[in-house]
N, C-alpha and C. Protein backbone atom coordinates (compact mmCIF):
# COMPACT_ATOMS: atom_id res chain seq x y z
N PRO A 1 -3.27 -0.09 15.64
CA PRO A 1 -3.84 0.63 14.51
C PRO A 1 -2.75 1.32 13.69
N MET A 2 -3.03 1.46 12.41
CA MET A 2 -2.10 2.13 11.51
C MET A 2 -2.85 3.24 10.80
N THR A 3 -2.23 4.39 10.73
CA THR A 3 -2.80 5.52 10.02
C THR A 3 -1.85 5.92 8.90
N MET A 4 -2.41 6.14 7.73
CA MET A 4 -1.60 6.59 6.60
C MET A 4 -2.30 7.76 5.95
N TRP A 5 -1.51 8.72 5.55
CA TRP A 5 -2.03 9.88 4.85
C TRP A 5 -1.17 10.09 3.62
N PHE A 6 -1.81 10.34 2.49
CA PHE A 6 -1.10 10.60 1.24
C PHE A 6 -1.59 11.92 0.69
N SER A 7 -0.67 12.77 0.27
CA SER A 7 -1.08 13.99 -0.41
C SER A 7 -1.74 13.58 -1.72
N PRO A 8 -2.64 14.41 -2.24
CA PRO A 8 -3.27 14.07 -3.51
C PRO A 8 -2.25 13.84 -4.63
N GLY A 9 -1.19 14.64 -4.65
CA GLY A 9 -0.16 14.48 -5.67
C GLY A 9 0.58 13.16 -5.56
N PHE A 10 0.90 12.74 -4.33
CA PHE A 10 1.60 11.47 -4.13
C PHE A 10 0.70 10.31 -4.53
N ALA A 11 -0.55 10.34 -4.09
CA ALA A 11 -1.49 9.27 -4.44
C ALA A 11 -1.64 9.17 -5.95
N ARG A 12 -1.72 10.30 -6.61
CA ARG A 12 -1.85 10.32 -8.07
C ARG A 12 -0.58 9.77 -8.73
N SER A 13 0.59 10.17 -8.22
CA SER A 13 1.85 9.72 -8.83
C SER A 13 2.05 8.22 -8.69
N ARG A 14 1.46 7.63 -7.66
CA ARG A 14 1.58 6.18 -7.44
C ARG A 14 0.38 5.42 -8.00
N GLY A 15 -0.61 6.15 -8.52
CA GLY A 15 -1.78 5.51 -9.09
C GLY A 15 -2.65 4.83 -8.05
N LEU A 16 -2.69 5.38 -6.83
CA LEU A 16 -3.47 4.76 -5.76
C LEU A 16 -4.95 5.08 -5.89
N ASP A 17 -5.77 4.07 -5.78
CA ASP A 17 -7.22 4.21 -5.77
C ASP A 17 -7.64 4.33 -4.30
N LEU A 18 -7.88 5.54 -3.84
CA LEU A 18 -8.16 5.77 -2.42
C LEU A 18 -9.47 5.13 -1.97
N GLN A 19 -10.44 5.03 -2.86
CA GLN A 19 -11.69 4.34 -2.51
C GLN A 19 -11.42 2.87 -2.23
N CYS A 20 -10.60 2.26 -3.04
CA CYS A 20 -10.22 0.86 -2.85
C CYS A 20 -9.53 0.69 -1.50
N LEU A 21 -8.61 1.59 -1.17
CA LEU A 21 -7.90 1.51 0.11
C LEU A 21 -8.86 1.69 1.29
N ARG A 22 -9.82 2.58 1.14
CA ARG A 22 -10.82 2.76 2.22
C ARG A 22 -11.61 1.48 2.45
N LYS A 23 -11.99 0.81 1.38
CA LYS A 23 -12.75 -0.44 1.50
C LYS A 23 -11.93 -1.51 2.19
N ARG A 24 -10.64 -1.54 1.93
CA ARG A 24 -9.76 -2.54 2.52
C ARG A 24 -9.33 -2.21 3.95
N SER A 25 -9.61 -1.02 4.40
CA SER A 25 -9.07 -0.57 5.69
C SER A 25 -9.55 -1.39 6.88
N ALA A 26 -10.64 -2.09 6.77
CA ALA A 26 -11.15 -2.89 7.89
C ALA A 26 -10.53 -4.29 7.92
N ALA A 27 -9.80 -4.65 6.90
CA ALA A 27 -9.20 -5.99 6.83
C ALA A 27 -8.10 -6.14 7.87
N TYR A 28 -7.91 -7.36 8.34
CA TYR A 28 -6.86 -7.64 9.31
C TYR A 28 -5.48 -7.47 8.67
N THR A 29 -4.63 -6.76 9.35
CA THR A 29 -3.23 -6.63 8.94
C THR A 29 -2.38 -6.65 10.20
N ASP A 30 -1.11 -6.89 10.01
CA ASP A 30 -0.19 -6.82 11.15
C ASP A 30 1.15 -6.27 10.67
N HIS A 31 2.13 -6.27 11.55
CA HIS A 31 3.42 -5.67 11.21
C HIS A 31 4.10 -6.37 10.04
N ASP A 32 3.72 -7.58 9.72
CA ASP A 32 4.31 -8.28 8.58
C ASP A 32 3.94 -7.62 7.25
N ASN A 33 2.91 -6.79 7.24
CA ASN A 33 2.49 -6.10 6.02
C ASN A 33 3.26 -4.79 5.79
N LEU A 34 3.88 -4.27 6.83
CA LEU A 34 4.49 -2.94 6.72
C LEU A 34 5.65 -2.90 5.71
N PHE A 35 6.63 -3.76 5.87
CA PHE A 35 7.82 -3.73 5.01
C PHE A 35 7.47 -3.91 3.53
N PRO A 36 6.70 -4.94 3.16
CA PRO A 36 6.36 -5.09 1.74
C PRO A 36 5.53 -3.91 1.21
N SER A 37 4.69 -3.34 2.06
CA SER A 37 3.86 -2.21 1.63
C SER A 37 4.71 -0.98 1.34
N VAL A 38 5.69 -0.71 2.19
CA VAL A 38 6.58 0.43 1.96
C VAL A 38 7.44 0.20 0.72
N LEU A 39 7.95 -1.02 0.55
CA LEU A 39 8.72 -1.32 -0.66
C LEU A 39 7.89 -1.09 -1.91
N GLY A 40 6.65 -1.57 -1.90
CA GLY A 40 5.78 -1.40 -3.06
C GLY A 40 5.44 0.05 -3.31
N LEU A 41 5.13 0.76 -2.25
CA LEU A 41 4.76 2.17 -2.37
C LEU A 41 5.92 3.01 -2.90
N MET A 42 7.13 2.68 -2.49
CA MET A 42 8.32 3.41 -2.93
C MET A 42 8.89 2.85 -4.24
N GLN A 43 8.21 1.83 -4.78
CA GLN A 43 8.59 1.22 -6.06
C GLN A 43 10.02 0.67 -6.05
N VAL A 44 10.39 0.07 -4.91
CA VAL A 44 11.70 -0.56 -4.76
C VAL A 44 11.63 -1.96 -5.37
N LYS A 45 12.56 -2.26 -6.24
CA LYS A 45 12.62 -3.58 -6.88
C LYS A 45 13.63 -4.44 -6.13
N THR A 46 13.16 -5.49 -5.47
CA THR A 46 14.03 -6.38 -4.72
C THR A 46 13.37 -7.75 -4.60
N ALA A 47 14.18 -8.76 -4.44
CA ALA A 47 13.65 -10.12 -4.24
C ALA A 47 12.94 -10.25 -2.90
N LEU A 48 13.15 -9.31 -1.99
CA LEU A 48 12.51 -9.35 -0.67
C LEU A 48 11.05 -8.91 -0.70
N TYR A 49 10.63 -8.27 -1.80
CA TYR A 49 9.26 -7.77 -1.91
C TYR A 49 8.27 -8.93 -2.00
N GLU A 50 7.22 -8.88 -1.18
CA GLU A 50 6.15 -9.89 -1.18
C GLU A 50 4.83 -9.19 -1.53
N ARG A 51 4.45 -9.26 -2.80
CA ARG A 51 3.24 -8.56 -3.26
C ARG A 51 2.01 -8.99 -2.47
N GLU A 52 1.92 -10.26 -2.08
CA GLU A 52 0.74 -10.74 -1.35
C GLU A 52 0.60 -10.09 0.03
N ARG A 53 1.66 -9.49 0.54
CA ARG A 53 1.60 -8.79 1.83
C ARG A 53 1.51 -7.26 1.68
N ASP A 54 1.59 -6.78 0.46
CA ASP A 54 1.55 -5.34 0.18
C ASP A 54 0.12 -4.84 0.31
N LEU A 55 -0.11 -3.95 1.26
CA LEU A 55 -1.46 -3.42 1.51
C LEU A 55 -2.00 -2.60 0.34
N PHE A 56 -1.12 -2.09 -0.49
CA PHE A 56 -1.53 -1.21 -1.59
C PHE A 56 -1.68 -1.95 -2.91
N ALA A 57 -1.12 -3.14 -3.01
CA ALA A 57 -1.22 -3.92 -4.24
C ALA A 57 -2.69 -4.23 -4.52
N GLY A 58 -3.10 -4.04 -5.73
CA GLY A 58 -4.50 -4.28 -6.08
C GLY A 58 -5.35 -3.02 -5.98
N CYS A 59 -4.81 -1.98 -5.38
CA CYS A 59 -5.53 -0.69 -5.31
C CYS A 59 -4.79 0.36 -6.13
N GLU A 60 -4.11 -0.10 -7.15
CA GLU A 60 -3.40 0.80 -8.05
C GLU A 60 -4.19 0.88 -9.34
N SER A 61 -4.36 2.09 -9.81
CA SER A 61 -5.13 2.24 -11.06
C SER A 61 -4.21 2.36 -12.24
């Protein structure tokens, strides 16, 4: 299991739709999603980023 907590200010600064993330929380994920998700969340630009594995992609407003 993975637990994530975001302060309201951080979620707002990243444009995260928390309702969208709650709906997705039951979907299957594994450790392969962690690295791309952190890169996306931290807005790191690199060729290593895989948007299709980013847990937060698509839940940005």
